[in-house]
Amino acid sequence: MKRHEFLRELHKVSANRNYLEIGVNDGRSLTLSRVPSIAIDPAFKVVSELKCDVHLVKATSDDFFARDNPLQHLKGGRHPLRNLRRGRSPIGYWRRTTLDLSFIDGMHLFEFALRDFMNVEKYSDWSSVIVLDDMLPRSIDEAARDRHTNAWTGDVFKITEVLARYRPDLVTIQVDTAPTGQLVVFGADPKNTVLHDKYDEIMAEYKVPDPQKVPEAILERAGAVRPEALLEAGFWRPLAQARNRGLPRSVGWEPLRKALEQVGVSR
């Protein structure tokens, strides 16, 4: 299954109410969205017809997330909530925008991809689905920081190891899509600051010059699952229902983790 086929099906099974995309390029992946969307790219050249209510942002992702209320375009936005039981005025009551589905396919350098994940997680929740592209390079040359091949993943593959090491609370799933694989992340926690706190430490260890040391397991896709196995798993409908009901992490996360383990796709 090719990456855009997988992303198309992911839009369906996740029943996402909104969508965020980092790295638009020609808009091919953005054409899959049918929900309110935000798409970020400093140099996009969209040539395909888009069929969603989209806010196209010509900026770097770092600059975008530095804005005040960057997700205001999405339905629900940041808006007042009335406390009917207490009869209080809605002024001062705000509901935080939560991303349902995010696709990170920006600059193919480890530090950019890590910051993109950190920024997206701030606006996500345990029921959100975060997808990172180009996570399974097929060769050391393809994984180089200094691009010298036609197909290029850069060194973003390191995100998998960093999340496993610093964020064991997450569930990360490598997906064997063509051509260069993806990583799907469940269990986002916007209150977790570990990656931010350890950012300099992580950079000192993982941001290294070429040639990159790509683990054999990555090159051989030893830990990757078939995309069909993930898409056909039984947890998607309960996940969407829990998200739409606004179930808190304390109630919804553990059942999801167990469901992932039961279908054999957990990290």
C-alpha atoms as a PDB file:
ATOM      1  CA  MET A   1       0.000   0.000   0.000  1.00  0.00           C
ATOM      2  CA  LYS A   2       1.377   3.395  -0.972  1.00  0.00           C
ATOM      3  CA  ARG A   3       1.554   6.220   1.548  1.00  0.00           C
ATOM      4  CA  HIS A   4      -1.306   8.228   0.035  1.00  0.00           C
ATOM      5  CA  GLU A   5      -3.527   5.151  -0.085  1.00  0.00           C
ATOM      6  CA  PHE A   6      -2.825   4.566   3.593  1.00  0.00           C
ATOM      7  CA  LEU A   7      -3.501   8.204   4.456  1.00  0.00           C
ATOM      8  CA  ARG A   8      -6.779   8.118   2.502  1.00  0.00           C
ATOM      9  CA  GLU A   9      -7.974   5.114   4.493  1.00  0.00           C
ATOM     10  CA  LEU A  10      -6.753   6.674   7.725  1.00  0.00           C
ATOM     11  CA  HIS A  11      -9.032   9.643   7.122  1.00  0.00           C
ATOM     12  CA  LYS A  12     -11.928   7.187   6.930  1.00  0.00           C
ATOM     13  CA  VAL A  13     -11.220   4.881   9.859  1.00  0.00           C
ATOM     14  CA  SER A  14     -10.190   7.644  12.254  1.00  0.00           C
ATOM     15  CA  ALA A  15     -13.408   9.594  11.542  1.00  0.00           C
ATOM     16  CA  ASN A  16     -11.409  12.766  12.136  1.00  0.00           C
ATOM     17  CA  ARG A  17     -13.267  16.041  12.522  1.00  0.00           C
ATOM     18  CA  ASN A  18     -10.282  18.179  11.546  1.00  0.00           C
ATOM     19  CA  TYR A  19      -6.883  17.784   9.943  1.00  0.00           C
ATOM     20  CA  LEU A  20      -3.476  19.442  10.079  1.00  0.00           C
ATOM     21  CA  GLU A  21      -0.722  18.915   7.536  1.00  0.00           C
ATOM     22  CA  ILE A  22       2.887  20.063   7.674  1.00  0.00           C
ATOM     23  CA  GLY A  23       4.548  19.918   4.265  1.00  0.00           C
ATOM     24  CA  VAL A  24       2.029  20.567   1.490  1.00  0.00           C
ATOM     25  CA  ASN A  25       4.195  20.520  -1.627  1.00  0.00           C
ATOM     26  CA  ASP A  26       1.809  20.071  -4.592  1.00  0.00           C
ATOM     27  CA  GLY A  27      -1.222  19.325  -2.397  1.00  0.00           C
ATOM     28  CA  ARG A  28      -1.577  15.642  -3.262  1.00  0.00           C
ATOM     29  CA  SER A  29      -2.057  14.487   0.323  1.00  0.00           C
ATOM     30  CA  LEU A  30      -4.226  17.495   1.140  1.00  0.00           C
ATOM     31  CA  THR A  31      -6.741  16.452  -1.528  1.00  0.00           C
ATOM     32  CA  LEU A  32      -7.681  13.531   0.733  1.00  0.00           C
ATOM     33  CA  SER A  33      -9.193  15.742   3.425  1.00  0.00           C
ATOM     34  CA  ARG A  34     -12.921  16.485   3.606  1.00  0.00           C
ATOM     35  CA  VAL A  35     -12.921  18.229   6.976  1.00  0.00           C
ATOM     36  CA  PRO A  36     -11.773  21.669   8.180  1.00  0.00           C
ATOM     37  CA  SER A  37      -8.022  21.667   7.631  1.00  0.00           C
ATOM     38  CA  ILE A  38      -4.850  23.659   8.120  1.00  0.00           C
ATOM     39  CA  ALA A  39      -1.902  23.094   5.788  1.00  0.00           C
ATOM     40  CA  ILE A  40       1.526  24.611   6.384  1.00  0.00           C
ATOM     41  CA  ASP A  41       4.414  24.965   3.942  1.00  0.00           C
ATOM     42  CA  PRO A  42       6.768  27.904   3.269  1.00  0.00           C
ATOM     43  CA  ALA A  43       6.808  27.190  -0.486  1.00  0.00           C
ATOM     44  CA  PHE A  44       3.762  25.150  -1.502  1.00  0.00           C
ATOM     45  CA  LYS A  45       2.611  24.942  -5.118  1.00  0.00           C
ATOM     46  CA  VAL A  46      -0.810  23.319  -4.993  1.00  0.00           C
ATOM     47  CA  VAL A  47      -1.811  21.958  -8.398  1.00  0.00           C
ATOM     48  CA  SER A  48      -4.674  19.677  -7.334  1.00  0.00           C
ATOM     49  CA  GLU A  49      -8.287  20.551  -6.596  1.00  0.00           C
ATOM     50  CA  LEU A  50      -8.899  20.717  -2.861  1.00  0.00           C
ATOM     51  CA  LYS A  51     -12.241  19.563  -1.469  1.00  0.00           C
ATOM     52  CA  CYS A  52     -12.092  20.798   2.103  1.00  0.00           C
ATOM     53  CA  ASP A  53     -12.377  24.021   4.048  1.00  0.00           C
ATOM     54  CA  VAL A  54      -8.673  24.695   4.237  1.00  0.00           C
ATOM     55  CA  HIS A  55      -6.448  27.444   5.580  1.00  0.00           C
ATOM     56  CA  LEU A  56      -3.238  27.347   3.519  1.00  0.00           C
ATOM     57  CA  VAL A  57      -0.369  28.875   5.446  1.00  0.00           C
ATOM     58  CA  LYS A  58       2.789  29.935   3.594  1.00  0.00           C
ATOM     59  CA  ALA A  59       5.189  29.866   6.536  1.00  0.00           C
ATOM     60  CA  THR A  60       7.546  27.575   8.371  1.00  0.00           C
ATOM     61  CA  SER A  61       5.887  25.337  10.916  1.00  0.00           C
ATOM     62  CA  ASP A  62       7.934  26.928  13.715  1.00  0.00           C
ATOM     63  CA  ASP A  63       6.617  30.386  12.780  1.00  0.00           C
ATOM     64  CA  PHE A  64       3.068  29.078  12.431  1.00  0.00           C
ATOM     65  CA  PHE A  65       2.962  27.539  15.897  1.00  0.00           C
ATOM     66  CA  ALA A  66       4.477  30.687  17.390  1.00  0.00           C
ATOM     67  CA  ARG A  67       1.282  32.546  16.457  1.00  0.00           C
ATOM     68  CA  ASP A  68      -1.418  33.361  18.947  1.00  0.00           C
ATOM     69  CA  ASN A  69      -4.173  30.748  18.657  1.00  0.00           C
ATOM     70  CA  PRO A  70      -2.769  29.160  15.473  1.00  0.00           C
ATOM     71  CA  LEU A  71      -5.680  26.721  15.100  1.00  0.00           C
ATOM     72  CA  GLN A  72      -8.420  29.324  15.072  1.00  0.00           C
ATOM     73  CA  HIS A  73      -9.496  28.279  11.564  1.00  0.00           C
ATOM     74  CA  LEU A  74     -10.682  24.876  12.693  1.00  0.00           C
ATOM     75  CA  LYS A  75     -14.311  24.351  13.595  1.00  0.00           C
ATOM     76  CA  GLY A  76     -14.819  24.740  17.320  1.00  0.00           C
ATOM     77  CA  GLY A  77     -11.750  26.943  17.455  1.00  0.00           C
ATOM     78  CA  ARG A  78     -11.162  28.545  20.800  1.00  0.00           C
ATOM     79  CA  HIS A  79     -14.547  29.671  21.937  1.00  0.00           C
ATOM     80  CA  PRO A  80     -16.502  30.391  25.106  1.00  0.00           C
ATOM     81  CA  LEU A  81     -18.368  27.624  26.871  1.00  0.00           C
ATOM     82  CA  ARG A  82     -21.429  28.385  28.948  1.00  0.00           C
ATOM     83  CA  ASN A  83     -21.602  26.779  32.351  1.00  0.00           C
ATOM     84  CA  LEU A  84     -25.357  26.188  32.305  1.00  0.00           C
ATOM     85  CA  ARG A  85     -25.499  24.386  35.626  1.00  0.00           C
ATOM     86  CA  ARG A  86     -24.091  27.359  37.477  1.00  0.00           C
ATOM     87  CA  GLY A  87     -25.704  29.921  35.195  1.00  0.00           C
ATOM     88  CA  ARG A  88     -22.460  31.782  34.654  1.00  0.00           C
ATOM     89  CA  SER A  89     -21.605  34.022  31.719  1.00  0.00           C
ATOM     90  CA  PRO A  90     -19.608  32.313  28.953  1.00  0.00           C
ATOM     91  CA  ILE A  91     -17.016  35.087  29.076  1.00  0.00           C
ATOM     92  CA  GLY A  92     -13.732  33.656  30.266  1.00  0.00           C
ATOM     93  CA  TYR A  93     -14.644  30.030  29.553  1.00  0.00           C
ATOM     94  CA  TRP A  94     -12.643  28.606  26.662  1.00  0.00           C
ATOM     95  CA  ARG A  95     -12.397  25.191  25.083  1.00  0.00           C
ATOM     96  CA  ARG A  96      -9.011  24.208  23.712  1.00  0.00           C
ATOM     97  CA  THR A  97      -8.819  23.154  20.080  1.00  0.00           C
ATOM     98  CA  THR A  98      -7.712  19.542  19.728  1.00  0.00           C
ATOM     99  CA  LEU A  99      -6.306  18.061  16.532  1.00  0.00           C
ATOM    100  CA  ASP A 100      -7.861  14.747  15.503  1.00  0.00           C
ATOM    101  CA  LEU A 101      -5.482  13.806  12.685  1.00  0.00           C
ATOM    102  CA  SER A 102      -2.092  15.345  11.864  1.00  0.00           C
ATOM    103  CA  PHE A 103       0.338  14.487   9.080  1.00  0.00           C
ATOM    104  CA  ILE A 104       3.965  15.600   9.461  1.00  0.00           C
ATOM    105  CA  ASP A 105       5.898  15.639   6.196  1.00  0.00           C
ATOM    106  CA  GLY A 106       7.942  18.820   6.453  1.00  0.00           C
ATOM    107  CA  MET A 107      11.696  19.359   6.311  1.00  0.00           C
ATOM    108  CA  HIS A 108      13.440  15.966   6.271  1.00  0.00           C
ATOM    109  CA  LEU A 109      15.880  16.753   9.041  1.00  0.00           C
ATOM    110  CA  PHE A 110      15.603  15.185  12.488  1.00  0.00           C
ATOM    111  CA  GLU A 111      15.465  18.419  14.495  1.00  0.00           C
ATOM    112  CA  PHE A 112      12.688  19.878  12.334  1.00  0.00           C
ATOM    113  CA  ALA A 113      10.597  16.715  12.528  1.00  0.00           C
ATOM    114  CA  LEU A 114      11.034  16.537  16.295  1.00  0.00           C
ATOM    115  CA  ARG A 115       9.931  20.149  16.752  1.00  0.00           C
ATOM    116  CA  ASP A 116       6.976  19.517  14.464  1.00  0.00           C
ATOM    117  CA  PHE A 117       5.911  16.594  16.632  1.00  0.00           C
ATOM    118  CA  MET A 118       6.372  18.630  19.808  1.00  0.00           C
ATOM    119  CA  ASN A 119       4.267  21.474  18.418  1.00  0.00           C
ATOM    120  CA  VAL A 120       1.535  19.188  17.123  1.00  0.00           C
ATOM    121  CA  GLU A 121       1.352  17.341  20.444  1.00  0.00           C
ATOM    122  CA  LYS A 122       0.610  20.610  22.246  1.00  0.00           C
ATOM    123  CA  TYR A 123      -2.699  20.692  20.373  1.00  0.00           C
ATOM    124  CA  SER A 124      -3.425  16.963  20.452  1.00  0.00           C
ATOM    125  CA  ASP A 125      -4.901  14.547  22.973  1.00  0.00           C
ATOM    126  CA  TRP A 126      -4.722  10.844  23.837  1.00  0.00           C
ATOM    127  CA  SER A 127      -7.345  10.161  21.141  1.00  0.00           C
ATOM    128  CA  SER A 128      -5.488  12.077  18.419  1.00  0.00           C
ATOM    129  CA  VAL A 129      -3.662  10.333  15.589  1.00  0.00           C
ATOM    130  CA  ILE A 130      -0.268  11.734  14.540  1.00  0.00           C
ATOM    131  CA  VAL A 131       1.454  10.415  11.411  1.00  0.00           C
ATOM    132  CA  LEU A 132       5.078  11.092  10.475  1.00  0.00           C
ATOM    133  CA  ASP A 133       6.184  10.349   6.929  1.00  0.00           C
ATOM    134  CA  ASP A 134       9.465   8.978   5.503  1.00  0.00           C
ATOM    135  CA  MET A 135      10.358   7.028   8.642  1.00  0.00           C
ATOM    136  CA  LEU A 136      11.765   3.899   6.967  1.00  0.00           C
ATOM    137  CA  PRO A 137      14.645   4.843   4.646  1.00  0.00           C
ATOM    138  CA  ARG A 138      15.777   2.097   2.286  1.00  0.00           C
ATOM    139  CA  SER A 139      19.460   2.944   2.368  1.00  0.00           C
ATOM    140  CA  ILE A 140      22.060   4.993   4.226  1.00  0.00           C
ATOM    141  CA  ASP A 141      22.312   7.330   1.246  1.00  0.00           C
ATOM    142  CA  GLU A 142      18.569   7.977   1.341  1.00  0.00           C
ATOM    143  CA  ALA A 143      18.844   8.811   5.064  1.00  0.00           C
ATOM    144  CA  ALA A 144      21.617  11.377   4.662  1.00  0.00           C
ATOM    145  CA  ARG A 145      21.148  14.853   6.053  1.00  0.00           C
ATOM    146  CA  ASP A 146      22.863  16.321   3.009  1.00  0.00           C
ATOM    147  CA  ARG A 147      20.611  15.269   0.134  1.00  0.00           C
ATOM    148  CA  HIS A 148      22.370  13.611  -2.770  1.00  0.00           C
ATOM    149  CA  THR A 149      19.728  11.133  -3.981  1.00  0.00           C
ATOM    150  CA  ASN A 150      16.466  11.582  -5.884  1.00  0.00           C
ATOM    151  CA  ALA A 151      14.333   9.875  -3.215  1.00  0.00           C
ATOM    152  CA  TRP A 152      15.239  11.348   0.178  1.00  0.00           C
ATOM    153  CA  THR A 153      14.007  10.715   3.705  1.00  0.00           C
ATOM    154  CA  GLY A 154      16.749  12.523   5.580  1.00  0.00           C
ATOM    155  CA  ASP A 155      17.407  11.437   9.162  1.00  0.00           C
ATOM    156  CA  VAL A 156      13.862  11.766  10.506  1.00  0.00           C
ATOM    157  CA  PHE A 157      13.898   8.007  11.203  1.00  0.00           C
ATOM    158  CA  LYS A 158      15.566   8.850  14.535  1.00  0.00           C
ATOM    159  CA  ILE A 159      12.218  10.071  15.860  1.00  0.00           C
ATOM    160  CA  THR A 160      11.187   6.459  16.475  1.00  0.00           C
ATOM    161  CA  GLU A 161      14.113   5.799  18.812  1.00  0.00           C
ATOM    162  CA  VAL A 162      13.782   9.152  20.569  1.00  0.00           C
ATOM    163  CA  LEU A 163      10.091   8.619  21.332  1.00  0.00           C
ATOM    164  CA  ALA A 164      10.745   5.083  22.569  1.00  0.00           C
ATOM    165  CA  ARG A 165      13.514   6.337  24.836  1.00  0.00           C
ATOM    166  CA  TYR A 166      12.069   9.585  26.150  1.00  0.00           C
ATOM    167  CA  ARG A 167       8.322   9.020  25.765  1.00  0.00           C
ATOM    168  CA  PRO A 168       7.499   5.408  26.653  1.00  0.00           C
ATOM    169  CA  ASP A 169       4.015   6.643  27.558  1.00  0.00           C
ATOM    170  CA  LEU A 170       3.226   6.863  23.829  1.00  0.00           C
ATOM    171  CA  VAL A 171       2.390   3.985  21.504  1.00  0.00           C
ATOM    172  CA  THR A 172       4.334   4.235  18.246  1.00  0.00           C
ATOM    173  CA  ILE A 173       3.645   2.015  15.240  1.00  0.00           C
ATOM    174  CA  GLN A 174       5.926   1.712  12.236  1.00  0.00           C
ATOM    175  CA  VAL A 175       3.859   1.141   9.098  1.00  0.00           C
ATOM    176  CA  ASP A 176       5.288  -0.601   6.032  1.00  0.00           C
ATOM    177  CA  THR A 177       3.938   1.739   3.359  1.00  0.00           C
ATOM    178  CA  ALA A 178       5.617   2.420   0.037  1.00  0.00           C
ATOM    179  CA  PRO A 179       7.983   3.921  -0.625  1.00  0.00           C
ATOM    180  CA  THR A 180       9.568   5.021   2.678  1.00  0.00           C
ATOM    181  CA  GLY A 181       7.241   4.041   5.509  1.00  0.00           C
ATOM    182  CA  GLN A 182       5.430   5.984   8.184  1.00  0.00           C
ATOM    183  CA  LEU A 183       5.143   6.187  11.958  1.00  0.00           C
ATOM    184  CA  VAL A 184       1.740   6.467  13.634  1.00  0.00           C
ATOM    185  CA  VAL A 185       1.668   7.805  17.183  1.00  0.00           C
ATOM    186  CA  PHE A 186      -1.137   7.345  19.705  1.00  0.00           C
ATOM    187  CA  GLY A 187      -1.560   8.667  23.232  1.00  0.00           C
ATOM    188  CA  ALA A 188      -0.387  12.248  22.826  1.00  0.00           C
ATOM    189  CA  ASP A 189      -0.144  14.195  26.071  1.00  0.00           C
ATOM    190  CA  PRO A 190      -0.027  17.997  25.649  1.00  0.00           C
ATOM    191  CA  LYS A 191       1.016  18.401  29.279  1.00  0.00           C
ATOM    192  CA  ASN A 192       4.154  16.297  28.890  1.00  0.00           C
ATOM    193  CA  THR A 193       7.269  18.508  28.664  1.00  0.00           C
ATOM    194  CA  VAL A 194       9.992  15.840  28.533  1.00  0.00           C
ATOM    195  CA  LEU A 195      10.949  16.452  24.894  1.00  0.00           C
ATOM    196  CA  HIS A 196      11.080  20.191  25.482  1.00  0.00           C
ATOM    197  CA  ASP A 197      13.110  19.798  28.654  1.00  0.00           C
ATOM    198  CA  LYS A 198      15.535  17.350  27.041  1.00  0.00           C
ATOM    199  CA  TYR A 199      15.704  19.006  23.619  1.00  0.00           C
ATOM    200  CA  ASP A 200      19.321  20.194  23.877  1.00  0.00           C
ATOM    201  CA  GLU A 201      20.408  16.814  25.230  1.00  0.00           C
ATOM    202  CA  ILE A 202      18.641  15.040  22.370  1.00  0.00           C
ATOM    203  CA  MET A 203      20.194  17.325  19.758  1.00  0.00           C
ATOM    204  CA  ALA A 204      23.678  16.798  21.158  1.00  0.00           C
ATOM    205  CA  GLU A 205      23.335  13.036  20.747  1.00  0.00           C
ATOM    206  CA  TYR A 206      21.250  12.605  17.617  1.00  0.00           C
ATOM    207  CA  LYS A 207      22.143  15.537  15.358  1.00  0.00           C
ATOM    208  CA  VAL A 208      25.345  14.168  13.836  1.00  0.00           C
ATOM    209  CA  PRO A 209      27.080  14.609  10.465  1.00  0.00           C
ATOM    210  CA  ASP A 210      26.792  12.148   7.595  1.00  0.00           C
ATOM    211  CA  PRO A 211      27.001   9.275   7.093  1.00  0.00           C
ATOM    212  CA  GLN A 212      24.084   8.439   9.353  1.00  0.00           C
ATOM    213  CA  LYS A 213      24.051   5.170  11.285  1.00  0.00           C
ATOM    214  CA  VAL A 214      20.737   3.636  10.269  1.00  0.00           C
ATOM    215  CA  PRO A 215      19.747   0.592  12.366  1.00  0.00           C
ATOM    216  CA  GLU A 216      19.362  -2.642  10.424  1.00  0.00           C
ATOM    217  CA  ALA A 217      15.862  -2.991  11.855  1.00  0.00           C
ATOM    218  CA  ILE A 218      14.914   0.264  10.130  1.00  0.00           C
ATOM    219  CA  LEU A 219      16.486  -0.680   6.796  1.00  0.00           C
ATOM    220  CA  GLU A 220      14.882  -4.139   6.906  1.00  0.00           C
ATOM    221  CA  ARG A 221      11.559  -2.819   8.300  1.00  0.00           C
ATOM    222  CA  ALA A 222      11.741  -5.542  10.915  1.00  0.00           C
ATOM    223  CA  GLY A 223       9.306  -3.882  13.293  1.00  0.00           C
ATOM    224  CA  ALA A 224       6.894  -2.442  10.727  1.00  0.00           C
ATOM    225  CA  VAL A 225       3.316  -3.699  10.419  1.00  0.00           C
ATOM    226  CA  ARG A 226       1.258  -4.090   7.279  1.00  0.00           C
ATOM    227  CA  PRO A 227      -0.869  -0.996   6.793  1.00  0.00           C
ATOM    228  CA  GLU A 228      -3.911  -3.205   6.288  1.00  0.00           C
ATOM    229  CA  ALA A 229      -3.424  -4.726   9.750  1.00  0.00           C
ATOM    230  CA  LEU A 230      -3.572  -1.331  11.377  1.00  0.00           C
ATOM    231  CA  LEU A 231      -6.481  -0.050   9.284  1.00  0.00           C
ATOM    232  CA  GLU A 232      -8.550  -3.177   9.964  1.00  0.00           C
ATOM    233  CA  ALA A 233      -7.979  -3.134  13.730  1.00  0.00           C
ATOM    234  CA  GLY A 234     -11.071  -3.043  15.906  1.00  0.00           C
ATOM    235  CA  PHE A 235     -10.187  -0.043  18.050  1.00  0.00           C
ATOM    236  CA  TRP A 236     -10.981   2.715  15.544  1.00  0.00           C
ATOM    237  CA  ARG A 237     -14.715   3.020  16.179  1.00  0.00           C
ATOM    238  CA  PRO A 238     -14.402   2.981  19.999  1.00  0.00           C
ATOM    239  CA  LEU A 239     -11.587   5.520  19.675  1.00  0.00           C
ATOM    240  CA  ALA A 240     -13.738   7.904  17.634  1.00  0.00           C
ATOM    241  CA  GLN A 241     -16.675   7.442  20.006  1.00  0.00           C
ATOM    242  CA  ALA A 242     -14.520   8.146  23.057  1.00  0.00           C
ATOM    243  CA  ARG A 243     -13.041  11.223  21.391  1.00  0.00           C
ATOM    244  CA  ASN A 244     -16.433  12.579  20.371  1.00  0.00           C
ATOM    245  CA  ARG A 245     -17.767  12.051  23.878  1.00  0.00           C
ATOM    246  CA  GLY A 246     -14.791  13.908  25.290  1.00  0.00           C
ATOM    247  CA  LEU A 247     -13.641  11.061  27.520  1.00  0.00           C
ATOM    248  CA  PRO A 248     -10.592  12.076  29.569  1.00  0.00           C
ATOM    249  CA  ARG A 249      -7.238  10.341  29.251  1.00  0.00           C
ATOM    250  CA  SER A 250      -7.730   8.650  32.621  1.00  0.00           C
ATOM    251  CA  VAL A 251     -10.738   6.808  31.198  1.00  0.00           C
ATOM    252  CA  GLY A 252      -9.921   6.237  27.539  1.00  0.00           C
ATOM    253  CA  TRP A 253      -6.180   5.711  27.171  1.00  0.00           C
ATOM    254  CA  GLU A 254      -5.624   2.335  28.833  1.00  0.00           C
ATOM    255  CA  PRO A 255      -8.420   0.580  26.889  1.00  0.00           C
ATOM    256  CA  LEU A 256      -6.871   1.899  23.664  1.00  0.00           C
ATOM    257  CA  ARG A 257      -3.393   0.715  24.658  1.00  0.00           C
ATOM    258  CA  LYS A 258      -4.754  -2.754  25.433  1.00  0.00           C
ATOM    259  CA  ALA A 259      -6.629  -2.844  22.134  1.00  0.00           C
ATOM    260  CA  LEU A 260      -3.414  -2.029  20.275  1.00  0.00           C
ATOM    261  CA  GLU A 261      -1.641  -4.844  22.096  1.00  0.00           C
ATOM    262  CA  GLN A 262      -4.426  -7.311  21.289  1.00  0.00           C
ATOM    263  CA  VAL A 263      -4.120  -6.753  17.554  1.00  0.00           C
ATOM    264  CA  GLY A 264      -0.361  -7.077  17.814  1.00  0.00           C
ATOM    265  CA  VAL A 265       0.600  -3.646  16.544  1.00  0.00           C
ATOM    266  CA  SER A 266       1.927  -1.920  19.646  1.00  0.00           C
ATOM    267  CA  ARG A 267       5.563  -0.828  19.854  1.00  0.00           C
END
